[in-house]
Amino acid sequence: MKPKLFGADGLRGRANEYPITAEVALLLGKAMARVLRSSGVNRNRVLLGKDTRISGYMLEMALTSGLVSMGMDVFMVGPLPTPAVAHLTKSMGAAAGLMITASHNPYEDNGMKIFGPDGYKLSDELAEAIERHVRGLEPEADPLPPRQIGKAHRIEDARGRYIEFAKQTADNVPLHGLKVVVDCGHGAAYFIAPLIFKELGAEVIMTGCQPDGLNINDGCGALYPEAAGELVRRYNADLGISFDGDADRVIFTDASGQVVSGDRILALCAISLKAQGKLRHDTLVATVMSNLGLKPAMAQHGIKLELTAVGERHVIDAIRKHGYAFGGENSGHLIFADHGTTGDGILSALQVLRTMHARNATLAQLAAVMQEYPSQLANMPVVAKPPLESLPKLQKLMVQAHKEFGEHGRHLIRYSGTENKIRVLVEHKEVEQVHVWVSKFATVIRDEIR
């Protein structure tokens, strides 16, 4: 039997290999139409966007064919950020939204994310039902008569709709006199992100804005914010803004070209929202990957910190369950719940710029609100993902580390949900201990996972 399709963030894998093939995409489109109708959704339209990977054309056509064959109308919006697709799915009254992307992965990979009519990622129950149809575990549907086949439309003003929405979330903050380096990673934000900042008055130095289908995330964007940092120094800019391939996350560099950690961005945004009376329950939601220094920094401002498991979905679930206003991951996903249903790099950048304008402060000044423990995150490729508890040497070393660290440090070891990698995070008050323990963990992992 084929392996499970849906992972932590929809479907993802190497393009033109199972499950990221035209055949599976065709089946997925047909399955979506069947499941959405059976779930009581009385709308027959699906919004379809993509990032800039060359394989997006193949998947876009196959998904469209599957959907229209089952009576769905498809609204194709072309290359747009993932959060734009989520927003437009809701605002245009679609039954679902589909985003063709592999986010921060290289161009060889691709994937598909599905959003429900409310703009949030599709529920696990509906995703499981769709997967059953794709895998052939449910009876095939009878073909529709020709008059009931759906239509496909190109939505020419999708970019403009999202641009106006994004600017309004930050009250059209004036950016005159600000010089900004914008690195779009040759991804989905390549056109609209620079335009938004220009329309608000900023001087924009563009990089990573010439996608050719093969260069997405290649030495640029949120994975390589140092590239924007170098341009910040060269052009004496005020800050750098780097997006990943589908622009659902953002990493900043300050006026000196130094990368500002995602935790510092979370902290300064939470403080700003609290000052505006918009941080509901005075709570910031983050994940266990956040630096140990975040909690005491928030406590100094009367803000509680709620930690979730790793993954944007867990942050969003906590926000929705408890009615919080803001949360995110130190990897650059920020969720402003009053404005969006998912991480949004452009919206987040606008909120940071709005805070800089309101406080008349530089990014470095705002980011100085917390002191971070020295940390190191190692991403190691693996050929398999055996349960961590089945690795006796690693388990013994983890117990030893926990005892020796006490309250002065911590370690987190987990597999990536989207790549064949294991992630090792070590934090400690003493930077030497960080390097020592990362090396120890790496050695044991290489020995036990071959």
Protein backbone atom coordinates (compact mmCIF):
# COMPACT_ATOMS: atom_id res chain seq x y z
CA MET A 1 0.00 0.00 0.00
CA LYS A 2 1.20 3.52 -0.79
CA PRO A 3 2.42 5.58 2.18
CA LYS A 4 0.20 8.19 3.79
CA LEU A 5 -0.27 11.31 1.66
CA PHE A 6 -0.99 14.14 4.07
CA GLY A 7 1.76 15.19 6.44
CA ALA A 8 2.24 18.05 8.86
CA ASP A 9 1.65 20.65 6.15
CA GLY A 10 -0.43 19.03 3.43
CA LEU A 11 1.25 17.00 0.71
CA ARG A 12 4.93 17.49 -0.01
CA GLY A 13 7.68 15.66 -1.82
CA ARG A 14 9.87 15.59 -4.91
CA ALA A 15 8.07 16.85 -7.99
CA ASN A 16 7.07 14.25 -10.57
CA GLU A 17 7.55 11.46 -8.04
CA TYR A 18 4.76 9.96 -5.90
CA PRO A 19 2.80 11.63 -4.44
CA ILE A 20 3.65 14.92 -6.18
CA THR A 21 2.59 13.77 -9.64
CA ALA A 22 0.03 14.90 -12.17
CA GLU A 23 -1.86 11.65 -11.62
CA VAL A 24 -2.20 12.18 -7.88
CA ALA A 25 -3.09 15.85 -8.38
CA LEU A 26 -5.89 14.85 -10.75
CA LEU A 27 -7.23 12.38 -8.18
CA LEU A 28 -6.87 14.98 -5.43
CA GLY A 29 -8.97 17.47 -7.36
CA LYS A 30 -11.71 14.91 -7.91
CA ALA A 31 -11.56 13.78 -4.27
CA MET A 32 -11.78 17.34 -2.97
CA ALA A 33 -14.91 17.99 -5.00
CA ARG A 34 -16.60 14.83 -3.70
CA VAL A 35 -15.66 15.35 -0.05
CA LEU A 36 -16.53 19.03 0.03
CA ARG A 37 -19.98 18.35 -1.37
CA SER A 38 -20.61 15.47 1.00
CA SER A 39 -19.55 17.64 3.96
CA GLY A 40 -22.40 20.05 3.30
CA VAL A 41 -20.48 22.85 1.58
CA ASN A 42 -22.95 24.40 -0.85
CA ARG A 43 -20.41 26.35 -2.89
CA ASN A 44 -18.97 25.00 -6.12
CA ARG A 45 -15.83 27.14 -6.40
CA VAL A 46 -12.21 26.44 -5.42
CA LEU A 47 -9.44 29.05 -5.37
CA LEU A 48 -6.12 27.80 -6.76
CA GLY A 49 -2.75 29.53 -6.29
CA LYS A 50 0.89 28.54 -6.58
CA ASP A 51 4.43 29.69 -5.96
CA THR A 52 7.05 30.00 -8.70
CA ARG A 53 8.34 26.42 -9.06
CA ILE A 54 8.44 25.03 -12.60
CA SER A 55 6.41 22.00 -11.51
CA GLY A 56 3.57 24.29 -10.47
CA TYR A 57 2.29 24.40 -14.05
CA MET A 58 1.93 20.63 -14.17
CA LEU A 59 0.12 20.40 -10.85
CA GLU A 60 -2.08 23.43 -11.52
CA MET A 61 -3.46 21.89 -14.73
CA ALA A 62 -3.97 18.46 -13.18
CA LEU A 63 -5.77 19.81 -10.10
CA THR A 64 -7.97 22.01 -12.27
CA SER A 65 -8.90 19.06 -14.50
CA GLY A 66 -9.87 16.93 -11.52
CA LEU A 67 -11.95 19.65 -9.91
CA VAL A 68 -13.87 20.72 -13.02
CA SER A 69 -14.53 17.10 -13.98
CA MET A 70 -16.52 16.81 -10.75
CA GLY A 71 -18.48 20.02 -11.26
CA MET A 72 -16.30 22.52 -9.39
CA ASP A 73 -15.45 25.94 -10.80
CA VAL A 74 -11.78 26.80 -10.36
CA PHE A 75 -10.55 30.35 -9.81
CA MET A 76 -6.85 30.40 -10.72
CA VAL A 77 -4.91 33.31 -9.23
CA GLY A 78 -1.39 32.39 -10.39
CA PRO A 79 1.70 33.02 -8.24
CA LEU A 80 0.58 34.44 -4.89
CA PRO A 81 1.71 33.97 -1.28
CA THR A 82 0.04 31.19 0.69
CA PRO A 83 -1.63 33.64 3.12
CA ALA A 84 -3.08 35.54 0.15
CA VAL A 85 -4.72 32.33 -1.06
CA ALA A 86 -6.10 31.70 2.43
CA HIS A 87 -7.49 35.24 2.63
CA LEU A 88 -9.02 35.20 -0.85
CA THR A 89 -10.59 31.79 -0.25
CA LYS A 90 -12.67 33.32 2.51
CA SER A 91 -13.29 36.73 0.95
CA MET A 92 -14.38 35.28 -2.40
CA GLY A 93 -16.70 32.74 -0.83
CA ALA A 94 -14.92 29.66 -2.11
CA ALA A 95 -15.56 26.16 -0.82
CA ALA A 96 -11.81 25.64 -0.43
CA GLY A 97 -8.44 27.05 -1.33
CA LEU A 98 -5.51 25.16 -2.81
CA MET A 99 -1.92 26.36 -2.69
CA ILE A 100 0.74 24.60 -4.75
CA THR A 101 3.98 25.08 -2.84
CA ALA A 102 6.78 23.42 -0.93
CA SER A 103 7.44 26.57 1.08
CA HIS A 104 11.15 26.82 1.96
CA ASN A 105 12.19 23.64 0.12
CA PRO A 106 14.30 23.74 -3.10
CA TYR A 107 12.67 23.86 -6.52
CA GLU A 108 12.90 20.08 -6.98
CA ASP A 109 10.16 19.69 -4.35
CA ASN A 110 6.57 20.76 -4.44
CA GLY A 111 3.39 20.22 -2.47
CA MET A 112 -0.24 21.13 -1.98
CA LYS A 113 -1.89 22.87 0.98
CA ILE A 114 -5.66 22.93 1.36
CA PHE A 115 -7.69 25.63 3.12
CA GLY A 116 -11.33 25.42 4.16
CA PRO A 117 -13.96 28.07 3.38
CA ASP A 118 -13.02 29.94 6.57
CA GLY A 119 -9.43 30.40 5.37
CA TYR A 120 -7.97 28.01 7.95
CA LYS A 121 -6.16 24.86 6.97
CA LEU A 122 -8.54 22.03 6.23
CA SER A 123 -9.54 19.93 9.23
CA ASP A 124 -7.83 16.60 9.81
CA GLU A 125 -11.17 14.84 9.35
CA LEU A 126 -11.76 16.26 5.87
CA ALA A 127 -8.14 15.75 4.88
CA GLU A 128 -8.40 12.10 5.91
CA ALA A 129 -11.61 11.68 3.91
CA ILE A 130 -9.96 13.21 0.83
CA GLU A 131 -6.97 10.93 1.23
CA ARG A 132 -9.20 7.85 1.34
CA HIS A 133 -10.66 8.76 -2.04
CA VAL A 134 -7.24 9.49 -3.56
CA ARG A 135 -5.89 6.15 -2.36
CA GLY A 136 -8.84 4.28 -3.86
CA LEU A 137 -10.28 3.24 -0.50
CA GLU A 138 -13.73 4.56 -1.44
CA PRO A 139 -15.92 3.61 -4.44
CA GLU A 140 -15.31 5.63 -7.58
CA ALA A 141 -17.85 8.28 -8.49
CA ASP A 142 -19.91 8.08 -11.64
CA PRO A 143 -18.80 10.61 -14.27
CA LEU A 144 -20.90 13.76 -14.51
CA PRO A 145 -22.87 14.58 -17.66
CA PRO A 146 -21.13 17.23 -19.82
CA ARG A 147 -23.52 20.03 -18.81
CA GLN A 148 -22.51 19.65 -15.15
CA ILE A 149 -18.76 19.92 -15.70
CA GLY A 150 -17.22 22.98 -14.02
CA LYS A 151 -15.34 25.91 -15.52
CA ALA A 152 -11.88 27.39 -14.95
CA HIS A 153 -11.34 31.14 -14.62
CA ARG A 154 -8.24 33.33 -14.36
CA ILE A 155 -8.76 35.96 -11.65
CA GLU A 156 -6.80 38.96 -12.90
CA ASP A 157 -7.32 41.24 -9.89
CA ALA A 158 -6.33 38.77 -7.16
CA ARG A 159 -3.04 40.57 -6.52
CA GLY A 160 -4.75 43.93 -6.16
CA ARG A 161 -7.34 42.54 -3.75
CA TYR A 162 -4.67 41.18 -1.44
CA ILE A 163 -2.43 44.25 -1.71
CA GLU A 164 -5.21 46.55 -0.48
CA PHE A 165 -6.13 44.13 2.31
CA ALA A 166 -2.53 43.87 3.50
CA LYS A 167 -1.97 47.63 3.59
CA GLN A 168 -5.18 48.19 5.53
CA THR A 169 -4.14 45.74 8.26
CA ALA A 170 -1.34 48.18 9.12
CA ASP A 171 -3.51 51.28 8.73
CA ASN A 172 -1.63 52.19 5.52
CA VAL A 173 1.38 53.14 7.64
CA PRO A 174 3.44 55.84 5.88
CA LEU A 175 6.94 54.60 5.10
CA HIS A 176 8.36 57.75 3.52
CA GLY A 177 12.04 58.21 4.30
CA LEU A 178 12.56 54.48 5.00
CA LYS A 179 14.98 52.45 2.90
CA VAL A 180 14.18 48.72 2.88
CA VAL A 181 15.88 45.70 1.31
CA VAL A 182 13.19 43.22 0.23
CA ASP A 183 14.33 39.67 -0.60
CA CYS A 184 11.51 37.53 -2.00
CA GLY A 185 13.59 34.40 -2.48
CA HIS A 186 12.48 34.27 -6.12
CA GLY A 187 9.20 33.02 -4.70
CA ALA A 188 5.53 33.85 -4.54
CA ALA A 189 5.96 37.38 -3.15
CA TYR A 190 8.28 38.52 -5.94
CA PHE A 191 5.79 40.97 -7.45
CA ILE A 192 3.44 42.10 -4.71
CA ALA A 193 5.78 42.52 -1.72
CA PRO A 194 8.02 45.23 -3.25
CA LEU A 195 4.96 46.94 -4.69
CA ILE A 196 3.24 47.14 -1.29
CA PHE A 197 6.24 48.77 0.39
CA LYS A 198 6.69 51.17 -2.55
CA GLU A 199 3.04 52.20 -2.48
CA LEU A 200 3.39 53.06 1.20
CA GLY A 201 6.32 55.34 0.41
CA ALA A 202 9.42 53.30 1.19
CA GLU A 203 12.53 53.25 -0.97
CA VAL A 204 12.81 49.56 -1.90
CA ILE A 205 15.95 47.70 -2.89
CA MET A 206 14.73 44.51 -4.52
CA THR A 207 16.51 41.17 -4.60
CA GLY A 208 15.30 37.63 -5.19
CA CYS A 209 12.54 38.97 -7.43
CA GLN A 210 13.42 37.28 -10.74
CA PRO A 211 11.96 33.77 -10.53
CA ASP A 212 12.77 31.38 -13.38
CA GLY A 213 11.10 28.27 -11.97
CA LEU A 214 14.40 26.83 -10.77
CA ASN A 215 15.89 29.44 -8.42
CA ILE A 216 13.30 29.60 -5.62
CA ASN A 217 14.99 29.67 -2.17
CA ASP A 218 18.37 29.23 -3.87
CA GLY A 219 20.81 31.12 -1.64
CA CYS A 220 18.26 33.82 -0.92
CA GLY A 221 15.09 34.61 1.03
CA ALA A 222 14.23 33.64 4.60
CA LEU A 223 16.64 30.69 4.60
CA TYR A 224 19.54 33.02 3.84
CA PRO A 225 18.75 36.38 5.48
CA GLU A 226 22.45 37.21 5.48
CA ALA A 227 22.05 38.01 1.77
CA ALA A 228 19.64 40.82 2.61
CA GLY A 229 21.88 41.85 5.50
CA GLU A 230 24.80 42.37 3.12
CA LEU A 231 22.64 44.61 0.91
CA VAL A 232 21.46 46.53 3.97
CA ARG A 233 25.06 47.39 4.77
CA ARG A 234 25.98 48.13 1.16
CA TYR A 235 23.11 50.54 0.59
CA ASN A 236 22.90 51.92 4.13
CA ALA A 237 19.30 50.70 4.43
CA ASP A 238 17.16 50.77 7.56
CA LEU A 239 16.35 47.05 7.57
CA GLY A 240 16.09 43.91 5.47
CA ILE A 241 12.95 41.79 4.97
CA SER A 242 13.40 38.23 3.69
CA PHE A 243 10.52 35.94 2.68
CA ASP A 244 10.50 32.21 2.02
CA GLY A 245 9.17 30.60 -1.14
CA ASP A 246 5.48 30.99 -0.35
CA ALA A 247 5.88 34.10 1.85
CA ASP A 248 4.15 32.69 4.91
CA ARG A 249 7.23 33.45 6.99
CA VAL A 250 9.63 36.37 7.25
CA ILE A 251 13.07 37.00 8.72
CA PHE A 252 14.42 40.49 9.44
CA THR A 253 17.86 42.07 9.47
CA ASP A 254 18.53 45.34 11.28
CA ALA A 255 20.35 48.43 10.03
CA SER A 256 23.73 46.87 10.81
CA GLY A 257 22.88 43.86 8.66
CA GLN A 258 22.50 41.54 11.66
CA VAL A 259 19.77 38.93 11.59
CA VAL A 260 17.07 39.54 14.20
CA SER A 261 15.80 36.30 15.68
CA GLY A 262 12.17 35.30 15.28
CA ASP A 263 11.77 35.27 19.06
CA ARG A 264 12.78 38.92 19.30
CA ILE A 265 10.22 39.76 16.61
CA LEU A 266 7.56 37.85 18.53
CA ALA A 267 8.50 39.74 21.69
CA LEU A 268 8.42 43.23 20.19
CA CYS A 269 5.12 42.56 18.40
CA ALA A 270 3.50 41.19 21.57
CA ILE A 271 4.62 44.25 23.54
CA SER A 272 3.26 46.56 20.85
CA LEU A 273 -0.10 44.78 20.75
CA LYS A 274 -0.38 44.93 24.55
CA ALA A 275 0.33 48.66 24.50
CA GLN A 276 -2.53 49.06 22.00
CA GLY A 277 -4.88 46.96 24.15
CA LYS A 278 -5.04 44.32 21.40
CA LEU A 279 -3.18 41.41 23.01
CA ARG A 280 -6.18 39.46 24.26
CA HIS A 281 -5.67 37.75 27.64
CA ASP A 282 -2.18 39.37 27.69
CA THR A 283 -0.83 36.15 26.22
CA LEU A 284 1.72 35.34 23.55
CA VAL A 285 1.58 31.88 21.97
CA ALA A 286 4.89 30.35 20.87
CA THR A 287 6.33 26.87 20.48
CA VAL A 288 8.76 24.87 22.56
CA MET A 289 11.46 25.84 20.03
CA SER A 290 11.43 29.43 21.31
CA ASN A 291 14.44 30.61 23.26
CA LEU A 292 14.40 30.33 27.05
CA GLY A 293 14.92 34.08 27.26
CA LEU A 294 11.48 34.80 25.82
CA LYS A 295 9.55 33.96 28.99
CA PRO A 296 11.33 36.35 31.40
CA ALA A 297 11.26 39.09 28.74
CA MET A 298 7.50 38.77 28.44
CA ALA A 299 7.03 38.60 32.20
CA GLN A 300 8.70 42.01 32.53
CA HIS A 301 5.87 43.45 30.42
CA GLY A 302 3.06 41.55 32.14
CA ILE A 303 2.65 39.12 29.25
CA LYS A 304 2.06 35.41 29.76
CA LEU A 305 3.74 32.90 27.47
CA GLU A 306 1.87 29.80 26.32
CA LEU A 307 3.97 27.15 24.61
CA THR A 308 2.73 24.58 22.11
CA ALA A 309 4.26 21.71 20.19
CA VAL A 310 6.32 22.61 17.14
CA GLY A 311 4.36 23.64 14.07
CA GLU A 312 2.27 26.57 12.95
CA ARG A 313 -0.92 24.52 13.18
CA HIS A 314 -0.44 23.99 16.92
CA VAL A 315 0.02 27.73 17.45
CA ILE A 316 -3.12 28.50 15.45
CA ASP A 317 -5.11 25.84 17.31
CA ALA A 318 -4.17 27.40 20.67
CA ILE A 319 -5.04 30.89 19.43
CA ARG A 320 -8.45 29.76 18.19
CA LYS A 321 -9.23 27.61 21.23
CA HIS A 322 -8.54 30.31 23.81
CA GLY A 323 -9.32 33.45 21.83
CA TYR A 324 -5.77 34.80 21.80
CA ALA A 325 -4.68 37.50 19.37
CA PHE A 326 -1.09 36.71 18.49
CA GLY A 327 1.47 33.95 18.29
CA GLY A 328 4.06 32.37 16.11
CA GLU A 329 7.27 30.45 15.68
CA ASN A 330 10.84 31.64 15.93
CA SER A 331 11.29 30.36 12.36
CA GLY A 332 9.39 33.41 11.13
CA HIS A 333 5.75 32.33 11.10
CA LEU A 334 3.70 35.07 12.79
CA ILE A 335 -0.07 34.87 13.19
CA PHE A 336 -1.98 38.10 13.79
CA ALA A 337 -5.37 36.54 14.47
CA ASP A 338 -7.33 39.77 14.01
CA HIS A 339 -6.18 39.92 10.40
CA GLY A 340 -5.22 36.48 9.14
CA THR A 341 -5.81 32.76 9.46
CA THR A 342 -2.26 31.61 8.87
CA GLY A 343 1.33 32.83 9.02
CA ASP A 344 1.74 35.84 6.73
CA GLY A 345 5.19 37.25 5.99
CA ILE A 346 4.01 40.43 4.27
CA LEU A 347 1.40 41.26 6.90
CA SER A 348 3.94 40.59 9.65
CA ALA A 349 6.51 42.87 8.01
CA LEU A 350 3.92 45.64 7.82
CA GLN A 351 3.10 45.23 11.50
CA VAL A 352 6.78 45.50 12.43
CA LEU A 353 7.17 48.60 10.25
CA ARG A 354 4.04 50.05 11.82
CA THR A 355 5.56 49.55 15.27
CA MET A 356 8.82 51.18 14.21
CA HIS A 357 6.86 54.18 12.91
CA ALA A 358 4.63 54.46 15.99
CA ARG A 359 7.56 54.23 18.40
CA ASN A 360 9.94 56.24 16.22
CA ALA A 361 12.50 53.52 16.87
CA THR A 362 14.89 51.39 14.87
CA LEU A 363 14.42 47.65 14.58
CA ALA A 364 17.50 47.04 16.72
CA GLN A 365 16.11 49.25 19.48
CA LEU A 366 12.78 47.40 19.48
CA ALA A 367 14.46 44.00 19.33
CA ALA A 368 16.53 44.72 22.45
CA VAL A 369 13.54 43.80 24.64
CA MET A 370 14.89 40.31 25.35
CA GLN A 371 18.16 38.60 26.08
CA GLU A 372 18.59 35.23 24.46
CA TYR A 373 20.36 32.18 25.78
CA PRO A 374 23.13 31.02 23.43
CA SER A 375 21.67 28.33 21.20
CA GLN A 376 22.45 26.19 18.19
CA LEU A 377 20.05 24.36 15.88
CA ALA A 378 21.56 21.54 13.85
CA ASN A 379 19.60 20.04 10.94
CA MET A 380 20.96 16.60 10.09
CA PRO A 381 19.79 14.56 7.07
CA VAL A 382 18.57 11.04 7.86
CA VAL A 383 17.67 8.08 5.66
CA ALA A 384 14.99 6.87 8.10
CA LYS A 385 12.98 8.16 11.04
CA PRO A 386 12.92 5.46 13.73
CA PRO A 387 11.11 6.49 16.94
CA LEU A 388 13.52 8.40 19.15
CA GLU A 389 12.61 6.19 22.08
CA SER A 390 13.95 3.20 20.11
CA LEU A 391 17.47 4.67 20.08
CA PRO A 392 19.08 3.64 23.41
CA LYS A 393 22.32 5.62 23.06
CA LEU A 394 20.46 8.81 22.20
CA GLN A 395 18.01 8.29 25.05
CA LYS A 396 20.85 7.80 27.53
CA LEU A 397 22.57 10.97 26.32
CA MET A 398 19.34 12.97 26.54
CA VAL A 399 18.85 11.91 30.17
CA GLN A 400 22.45 12.85 30.96
CA ALA A 401 22.01 16.27 29.33
CA HIS A 402 18.82 16.94 31.26
CA LYS A 403 20.56 16.23 34.56
CA GLU A 404 23.64 18.31 33.78
CA PHE A 405 21.72 21.28 32.38
CA GLY A 406 19.37 21.75 35.30
CA GLU A 407 17.81 25.22 34.98
CA HIS A 408 20.70 26.55 32.93
CA GLY A 409 19.81 24.98 29.59
CA ARG A 410 17.71 22.57 27.61
CA HIS A 411 17.69 20.37 24.52
CA LEU A 412 15.00 19.51 21.98
CA ILE A 413 15.39 16.73 19.43
CA ARG A 414 12.74 15.96 16.83
CA TYR A 415 12.27 14.91 13.24
CA SER A 416 11.25 17.44 10.63
CA GLY A 417 7.63 17.08 9.56
CA THR A 418 8.39 18.05 5.96
CA GLU A 419 11.94 16.86 5.24
CA ASN A 420 14.11 13.81 5.89
CA LYS A 421 15.99 15.56 8.66
CA ILE A 422 16.38 15.41 12.42
CA ARG A 423 16.62 18.72 14.25
CA VAL A 424 18.80 19.13 17.33
CA LEU A 425 18.36 22.29 19.39
CA VAL A 426 20.59 23.04 22.38
CA GLU A 427 20.37 26.16 24.58
CA HIS A 428 22.58 26.97 27.55
CA LYS A 429 23.75 30.00 29.47
CA GLU A 430 27.32 29.04 28.54
CA VAL A 431 27.92 29.06 24.80
CA GLU A 432 30.73 26.48 25.09
CA GLN A 433 28.26 23.95 26.48
CA VAL A 434 25.97 24.53 23.51
CA HIS A 435 28.64 23.52 21.00
CA VAL A 436 29.83 20.59 23.11
CA TRP A 437 26.37 19.07 23.42
CA VAL A 438 25.34 19.60 19.81
CA SER A 439 28.49 17.71 18.82
CA LYS A 440 27.69 14.91 21.29
CA PHE A 441 24.14 14.52 20.01
CA ALA A 442 25.27 14.61 16.38
CA THR A 443 27.82 11.87 16.97
CA VAL A 444 25.28 9.54 18.60
CA ILE A 445 22.64 10.23 15.95
CA ARG A 446 25.05 9.41 13.13
CA ASP A 447 25.92 6.18 14.94
CA GLU A 448 22.33 5.03 15.53
CA ILE A 449 20.54 6.31 12.40
CA ARG A 450 22.39 5.08 9.35
